[in-house]
């Protein structure tokens, strides 16, 4: 898996536009070289985790001893043996519940929280 950033423009608070970057994870099969563009000077950083996933898989550590439930990436060293495997949508559903957190040791927070937050600021004010 490779993390890429795509520069774009977004609506700024108070109107106007501002530069932004959309980041996402892609597989090597999804990447293609750009004709005529030398990518040799683009920094590449190896993943620090022990394995590179071929697909996203998540684990849910349930609440225990007053700790909140936590979503981890599969293979996270902080996940307990009792953690239950989840797909991406159930992991997002779990994170939407109050008190559930995403692990910051693995990729869970970096990958899932932006997806969960996507569009939250775009909702019109209902005046309630």
N, C-alpha and C. Protein backbone atom coordinates (compact mmCIF):
# COMPACT_ATOMS: atom_id res chain seq x y z
N UNK A 1 0.85 -1.18 0.00
CA UNK A 1 0.00 0.00 0.00
C UNK A 1 0.89 1.24 0.00
N UNK A 2 0.44 2.26 -0.70
CA UNK A 2 1.16 3.51 -0.77
C UNK A 2 0.20 4.63 -0.37
N UNK A 3 0.70 5.58 0.41
CA UNK A 3 -0.11 6.75 0.76
C UNK A 3 0.26 7.85 -0.23
N UNK A 4 -0.75 8.39 -0.90
CA UNK A 4 -0.52 9.47 -1.85
C UNK A 4 -1.30 10.70 -1.41
N UNK A 5 -0.82 11.84 -1.84
CA UNK A 5 -1.51 13.11 -1.58
C UNK A 5 -1.85 13.76 -2.90
N UNK A 6 -3.06 14.23 -3.03
CA UNK A 6 -3.51 14.89 -4.24
C UNK A 6 -3.84 16.34 -3.90
N UNK A 7 -3.11 17.32 -4.48
CA UNK A 7 -3.43 18.72 -4.20
C UNK A 7 -4.74 19.11 -4.87
N UNK A 8 -5.51 19.92 -4.17
CA UNK A 8 -6.78 20.39 -4.69
C UNK A 8 -7.16 21.68 -4.00
N UNK A 9 -8.32 22.21 -4.32
CA UNK A 9 -8.83 23.43 -3.68
C UNK A 9 -10.08 23.06 -2.91
N UNK A 10 -10.29 23.76 -1.79
CA UNK A 10 -11.50 23.53 -1.00
C UNK A 10 -12.10 24.88 -0.62
N UNK A 11 -13.37 24.87 -0.29
CA UNK A 11 -14.05 26.07 0.14
C UNK A 11 -13.54 26.46 1.52
N UNK A 12 -13.14 27.72 1.67
CA UNK A 12 -12.61 28.20 2.95
C UNK A 12 -13.75 28.67 3.84
N UNK A 13 -13.52 28.62 5.13
CA UNK A 13 -14.50 29.17 6.07
C UNK A 13 -14.65 30.65 5.77
N UNK A 14 -15.86 31.12 5.68
CA UNK A 14 -16.11 32.51 5.37
C UNK A 14 -16.12 32.83 3.88
N UNK A 15 -16.05 31.80 3.04
CA UNK A 15 -16.09 32.01 1.60
C UNK A 15 -14.71 31.94 0.98
N UNK A 16 -14.66 31.93 -0.33
CA UNK A 16 -13.40 31.83 -1.05
C UNK A 16 -12.92 30.39 -1.12
N UNK A 17 -11.71 30.23 -1.60
CA UNK A 17 -11.12 28.90 -1.72
C UNK A 17 -9.72 28.94 -1.12
N UNK A 18 -9.22 27.76 -0.76
CA UNK A 18 -7.88 27.64 -0.22
C UNK A 18 -7.29 26.31 -0.67
N UNK A 19 -5.95 26.23 -0.72
CA UNK A 19 -5.34 24.96 -1.12
C UNK A 19 -5.52 23.92 -0.03
N UNK A 20 -5.61 22.67 -0.44
CA UNK A 20 -5.76 21.56 0.49
C UNK A 20 -5.11 20.34 -0.14
N UNK A 21 -4.97 19.31 0.65
CA UNK A 21 -4.45 18.05 0.12
C UNK A 21 -5.37 16.93 0.57
N UNK A 22 -5.73 16.08 -0.37
CA UNK A 22 -6.51 14.88 -0.07
C UNK A 22 -5.54 13.72 -0.05
N UNK A 23 -5.47 13.00 1.05
CA UNK A 23 -4.60 11.85 1.16
C UNK A 23 -5.39 10.57 1.16
N UNK A 24 -4.84 9.55 0.54
CA UNK A 24 -5.51 8.25 0.51
C UNK A 24 -4.47 7.15 0.33
N UNK A 25 -4.87 5.94 0.57
CA UNK A 25 -4.00 4.78 0.38
C UNK A 25 -4.39 4.08 -0.91
N UNK A 26 -3.39 3.65 -1.69
CA UNK A 26 -3.63 2.93 -2.93
C UNK A 26 -2.69 1.73 -3.00
N UNK A 27 -3.06 0.76 -3.80
CA UNK A 27 -2.22 -0.41 -4.02
C UNK A 27 -1.30 -0.16 -5.20
N UNK A 28 -0.28 -0.98 -5.35
CA UNK A 28 0.64 -0.82 -6.48
C UNK A 28 -0.07 -1.02 -7.81
N UNK A 29 -1.14 -1.83 -7.81
CA UNK A 29 -1.90 -2.04 -9.05
C UNK A 29 -2.65 -0.78 -9.47
N UNK A 30 -2.94 0.11 -8.53
CA UNK A 30 -3.68 1.33 -8.85
C UNK A 30 -2.76 2.46 -9.31
N UNK A 31 -1.47 2.32 -9.14
CA UNK A 31 -0.53 3.37 -9.51
C UNK A 31 -0.03 3.19 -10.94
N UNK A 32 0.08 4.28 -11.66
CA UNK A 32 0.61 4.27 -13.02
C UNK A 32 1.56 5.45 -13.17
N UNK A 33 2.68 5.28 -13.87
CA UNK A 33 3.57 6.42 -14.09
C UNK A 33 2.92 7.45 -15.00
N UNK A 34 3.29 8.70 -14.81
CA UNK A 34 2.78 9.77 -15.66
C UNK A 34 3.71 9.90 -16.87
N UNK A 35 3.18 9.82 -18.08
CA UNK A 35 4.04 9.91 -19.27
C UNK A 35 4.82 11.23 -19.27
N UNK A 36 6.14 11.12 -19.44
CA UNK A 36 6.98 12.30 -19.53
C UNK A 36 7.32 12.96 -18.20
N UNK A 37 6.91 12.38 -17.08
CA UNK A 37 7.18 12.98 -15.77
C UNK A 37 8.18 12.11 -15.02
N UNK A 38 9.29 12.73 -14.58
CA UNK A 38 10.30 12.01 -13.80
C UNK A 38 9.89 12.05 -12.33
N UNK A 39 9.59 10.90 -11.78
CA UNK A 39 9.17 10.81 -10.39
C UNK A 39 10.34 10.47 -9.46
N UNK A 40 11.55 10.52 -9.99
CA UNK A 40 12.73 10.15 -9.21
C UNK A 40 13.02 11.05 -8.03
N UNK A 41 12.54 12.28 -8.04
CA UNK A 41 12.82 13.21 -6.96
C UNK A 41 11.70 13.29 -5.92
N UNK A 42 10.68 12.49 -6.08
CA UNK A 42 9.58 12.48 -5.13
C UNK A 42 9.98 11.60 -3.95
N UNK A 43 9.88 12.14 -2.73
CA UNK A 43 10.30 11.34 -1.58
C UNK A 43 9.41 10.12 -1.38
N UNK A 44 10.02 9.03 -1.07
CA UNK A 44 9.28 7.79 -0.75
C UNK A 44 9.79 7.31 0.60
N UNK A 45 8.87 7.00 1.47
CA UNK A 45 9.22 6.55 2.81
C UNK A 45 8.65 5.17 3.03
N UNK A 46 9.46 4.21 3.41
CA UNK A 46 8.93 2.86 3.65
C UNK A 46 8.00 2.86 4.86
N UNK A 47 7.03 1.98 4.82
CA UNK A 47 6.13 1.83 5.96
C UNK A 47 6.92 1.36 7.16
N UNK A 48 6.55 1.83 8.33
CA UNK A 48 7.24 1.43 9.54
C UNK A 48 6.58 0.22 10.19
N UNK A 49 5.42 -0.16 9.71
CA UNK A 49 4.72 -1.31 10.29
C UNK A 49 5.31 -2.60 9.75
N UNK A 50 5.09 -3.68 10.45
CA UNK A 50 5.72 -4.94 10.11
C UNK A 50 5.22 -5.55 8.82
N UNK A 51 4.01 -5.24 8.42
CA UNK A 51 3.50 -5.81 7.18
C UNK A 51 2.69 -4.77 6.43
N UNK A 52 2.69 -4.88 5.13
CA UNK A 52 1.90 -4.00 4.30
C UNK A 52 0.62 -4.72 3.94
N UNK A 53 -0.53 -4.15 4.29
CA UNK A 53 -1.78 -4.86 4.03
C UNK A 53 -2.11 -4.89 2.54
N UNK A 54 -2.71 -5.98 2.11
CA UNK A 54 -3.22 -6.04 0.74
C UNK A 54 -4.66 -5.57 0.71
N UNK A 55 -5.27 -5.51 1.87
CA UNK A 55 -6.61 -4.95 2.03
C UNK A 55 -6.69 -4.45 3.46
N UNK A 56 -7.62 -3.56 3.73
CA UNK A 56 -7.78 -3.06 5.09
C UNK A 56 -8.61 -4.04 5.89
N UNK A 57 -8.13 -4.34 7.07
CA UNK A 57 -8.86 -5.17 8.02
C UNK A 57 -8.70 -4.53 9.39
N UNK A 58 -9.73 -4.56 10.15
CA UNK A 58 -9.75 -3.84 11.42
C UNK A 58 -10.10 -4.78 12.56
N UNK A 59 -9.75 -4.37 13.77
CA UNK A 59 -10.06 -5.13 14.98
C UNK A 59 -10.73 -4.18 15.97
N UNK A 60 -11.73 -4.70 16.68
CA UNK A 60 -12.40 -3.91 17.71
C UNK A 60 -12.11 -4.51 19.07
N UNK A 61 -11.41 -3.74 19.89
CA UNK A 61 -11.19 -4.09 21.30
C UNK A 61 -12.39 -3.56 22.07
N UNK A 62 -13.11 -4.43 22.73
CA UNK A 62 -14.29 -3.99 23.48
C UNK A 62 -13.94 -3.25 24.75
N UNK A 63 -14.94 -2.62 25.32
CA UNK A 63 -14.75 -1.89 26.58
C UNK A 63 -14.39 -2.88 27.68
N UNK A 64 -13.39 -2.52 28.47
CA UNK A 64 -12.99 -3.36 29.60
C UNK A 64 -12.32 -2.47 30.65
N UNK A 65 -12.63 -2.72 31.89
CA UNK A 65 -12.03 -2.00 33.01
C UNK A 65 -12.10 -0.48 32.83
N UNK A 66 -13.22 0.03 32.34
CA UNK A 66 -13.40 1.46 32.19
C UNK A 66 -12.74 2.09 30.98
N UNK A 67 -11.99 1.30 30.21
CA UNK A 67 -11.37 1.82 28.99
C UNK A 67 -12.39 1.83 27.87
N UNK A 68 -12.32 2.83 26.97
CA UNK A 68 -13.24 2.84 25.83
C UNK A 68 -12.90 1.75 24.83
N UNK A 69 -13.86 1.39 24.01
CA UNK A 69 -13.60 0.46 22.91
C UNK A 69 -12.66 1.16 21.93
N UNK A 70 -11.78 0.39 21.29
CA UNK A 70 -10.79 0.95 20.38
C UNK A 70 -10.75 0.14 19.09
N UNK A 71 -10.71 0.85 17.96
CA UNK A 71 -10.55 0.21 16.66
C UNK A 71 -9.07 0.24 16.30
N UNK A 72 -8.54 -0.91 15.91
CA UNK A 72 -7.13 -1.06 15.52
C UNK A 72 -7.07 -1.60 14.09
N UNK A 73 -5.96 -1.37 13.41
CA UNK A 73 -5.68 -2.05 12.14
C UNK A 73 -5.27 -3.48 12.48
N UNK A 74 -5.62 -4.41 11.61
CA UNK A 74 -5.23 -5.80 11.82
C UNK A 74 -3.71 -5.87 11.95
N UNK A 75 -3.24 -6.61 12.94
CA UNK A 75 -1.82 -6.74 13.18
C UNK A 75 -1.24 -5.71 14.12
N UNK A 76 -2.06 -4.78 14.64
CA UNK A 76 -1.58 -3.75 15.56
C UNK A 76 -1.08 -4.41 16.84
N UNK A 77 0.09 -4.00 17.28
CA UNK A 77 0.66 -4.59 18.49
C UNK A 77 -0.10 -4.18 19.75
N UNK A 78 -0.92 -3.14 19.68
CA UNK A 78 -1.70 -2.71 20.85
C UNK A 78 -3.06 -3.39 20.96
N UNK A 79 -3.46 -4.12 19.94
CA UNK A 79 -4.75 -4.81 19.99
C UNK A 79 -4.65 -6.02 20.91
N UNK A 80 -5.67 -6.21 21.72
CA UNK A 80 -5.69 -7.35 22.64
C UNK A 80 -6.08 -8.62 21.89
N UNK A 81 -5.74 -9.75 22.49
CA UNK A 81 -6.09 -11.04 21.89
C UNK A 81 -7.59 -11.22 21.73
N UNK A 82 -8.37 -10.53 22.54
CA UNK A 82 -9.83 -10.67 22.50
C UNK A 82 -10.49 -9.78 21.44
N UNK A 83 -9.70 -8.98 20.71
CA UNK A 83 -10.25 -8.06 19.70
C UNK A 83 -10.96 -8.86 18.60
N UNK A 84 -12.08 -8.31 18.13
CA UNK A 84 -12.90 -8.96 17.10
C UNK A 84 -12.60 -8.36 15.73
N UNK A 85 -12.46 -9.20 14.69
CA UNK A 85 -12.22 -8.67 13.34
C UNK A 85 -13.45 -7.94 12.80
N UNK A 86 -13.19 -6.87 12.04
CA UNK A 86 -14.25 -6.06 11.43
C UNK A 86 -13.87 -5.70 10.01
N UNK A 87 -14.88 -5.47 9.19
CA UNK A 87 -14.67 -4.87 7.88
C UNK A 87 -14.61 -3.35 8.04
N UNK A 88 -14.38 -2.64 6.95
CA UNK A 88 -14.25 -1.19 7.03
C UNK A 88 -15.55 -0.51 7.46
N UNK A 89 -16.68 -0.86 6.88
CA UNK A 89 -17.94 -0.21 7.26
C UNK A 89 -18.30 -0.48 8.72
N UNK A 90 -18.21 -1.71 9.22
CA UNK A 90 -18.48 -1.92 10.64
C UNK A 90 -17.48 -1.17 11.54
N UNK A 91 -16.24 -1.01 11.10
CA UNK A 91 -15.26 -0.25 11.88
C UNK A 91 -15.67 1.22 11.95
N UNK A 92 -16.14 1.77 10.83
CA UNK A 92 -16.62 3.15 10.82
C UNK A 92 -17.87 3.30 11.70
N UNK A 93 -18.77 2.31 11.63
CA UNK A 93 -19.96 2.33 12.50
C UNK A 93 -19.56 2.32 13.96
N UNK A 94 -18.57 1.51 14.32
CA UNK A 94 -18.11 1.44 15.71
C UNK A 94 -17.52 2.78 16.14
N UNK A 95 -16.74 3.41 15.28
CA UNK A 95 -16.14 4.70 15.62
C UNK A 95 -17.17 5.81 15.74
N UNK A 96 -18.31 5.66 15.08
CA UNK A 96 -19.36 6.67 15.18
C UNK A 96 -20.08 6.61 16.52
N UNK A 97 -19.92 5.50 17.25
CA UNK A 97 -20.55 5.39 18.57
C UNK A 97 -19.75 6.19 19.59
N UNK A 98 -20.44 6.91 20.47
CA UNK A 98 -19.74 7.69 21.50
C UNK A 98 -18.85 6.80 22.36
N UNK A 99 -17.66 7.28 22.64
CA UNK A 99 -16.75 6.56 23.51
C UNK A 99 -15.78 5.63 22.80
N UNK A 100 -15.99 5.35 21.52
CA UNK A 100 -15.08 4.48 20.79
C UNK A 100 -13.96 5.33 20.20
N UNK A 101 -12.74 4.85 20.31
CA UNK A 101 -11.59 5.60 19.80
C UNK A 101 -10.88 4.80 18.70
N UNK A 102 -10.06 5.50 17.93
CA UNK A 102 -9.23 4.86 16.91
C UNK A 102 -7.79 4.87 17.40
N UNK A 103 -7.12 3.76 17.28
CA UNK A 103 -5.74 3.62 17.72
C UNK A 103 -4.84 4.55 16.91
N UNK A 104 -3.91 5.22 17.59
CA UNK A 104 -2.95 6.09 16.91
C UNK A 104 -1.60 5.41 16.71
N UNK A 105 -1.44 4.21 17.26
CA UNK A 105 -0.20 3.46 17.08
C UNK A 105 -0.16 2.85 15.69
N UNK A 106 -1.30 2.35 15.23
CA UNK A 106 -1.41 1.75 13.90
C UNK A 106 -2.06 2.75 12.95
N UNK A 107 -2.54 2.29 11.81
CA UNK A 107 -3.14 3.16 10.80
C UNK A 107 -4.60 3.50 11.05
N UNK A 108 -5.21 2.98 12.10
CA UNK A 108 -6.66 3.15 12.29
C UNK A 108 -7.07 4.62 12.33
N UNK A 109 -6.43 5.44 13.15
CA UNK A 109 -6.81 6.84 13.26
C UNK A 109 -6.54 7.60 11.96
N UNK A 110 -5.38 7.35 11.37
CA UNK A 110 -5.01 8.08 10.15
C UNK A 110 -5.91 7.75 8.98
N UNK A 111 -6.37 6.52 8.90
CA UNK A 111 -7.18 6.10 7.75
C UNK A 111 -8.67 6.31 7.99
N UNK A 112 -9.17 5.90 9.15
CA UNK A 112 -10.61 5.88 9.37
C UNK A 112 -11.20 7.22 9.80
N UNK A 113 -10.51 7.98 10.63
CA UNK A 113 -11.10 9.23 11.12
C UNK A 113 -11.39 10.25 10.03
N UNK A 114 -10.50 10.43 9.03
CA UNK A 114 -10.87 11.36 7.95
C UNK A 114 -12.10 10.89 7.16
N UNK A 115 -12.26 9.59 7.00
CA UNK A 115 -13.44 9.08 6.30
C UNK A 115 -14.69 9.38 7.13
N UNK A 116 -14.59 9.13 8.43
CA UNK A 116 -15.73 9.37 9.31
C UNK A 116 -16.11 10.85 9.35
N UNK A 117 -15.11 11.72 9.31
CA UNK A 117 -15.36 13.16 9.39
C UNK A 117 -15.75 13.78 8.05
N UNK A 118 -15.52 13.06 6.95
CA UNK A 118 -15.79 13.61 5.62
C UNK A 118 -17.23 14.09 5.52
N UNK A 119 -17.37 15.35 5.14
CA UNK A 119 -18.71 15.90 4.94
C UNK A 119 -19.37 16.43 6.19
N UNK A 120 -18.77 16.25 7.37
CA UNK A 120 -19.39 16.74 8.59
C UNK A 120 -19.53 18.25 8.60
N UNK A 121 -18.55 18.97 8.03
CA UNK A 121 -18.62 20.42 8.00
C UNK A 121 -19.46 20.94 6.85
N UNK A 122 -19.87 20.06 5.96
CA UNK A 122 -20.63 20.47 4.78
C UNK A 122 -22.14 20.47 5.03
N UNK A 123 -22.56 20.00 6.20
CA UNK A 123 -23.99 19.90 6.47
C UNK A 123 -24.57 21.28 6.70
N UNK A 124 -25.72 21.59 6.07
CA UNK A 124 -26.33 22.90 6.30
C UNK A 124 -26.85 23.00 7.74
N UNK A 125 -26.79 24.19 8.28
CA UNK A 125 -27.29 24.44 9.62
C UNK A 125 -28.82 24.38 9.60
N UNK A 126 -29.40 23.53 10.45
CA UNK A 126 -30.86 23.38 10.46
C UNK A 126 -31.52 24.39 11.37
N UNK A 127 -30.70 25.11 12.17
CA UNK A 127 -31.27 26.11 13.05
C UNK A 127 -31.83 25.54 14.33
N UNK A 128 -31.63 24.23 14.56
CA UNK A 128 -32.13 23.62 15.80
C UNK A 128 -31.24 23.93 16.98
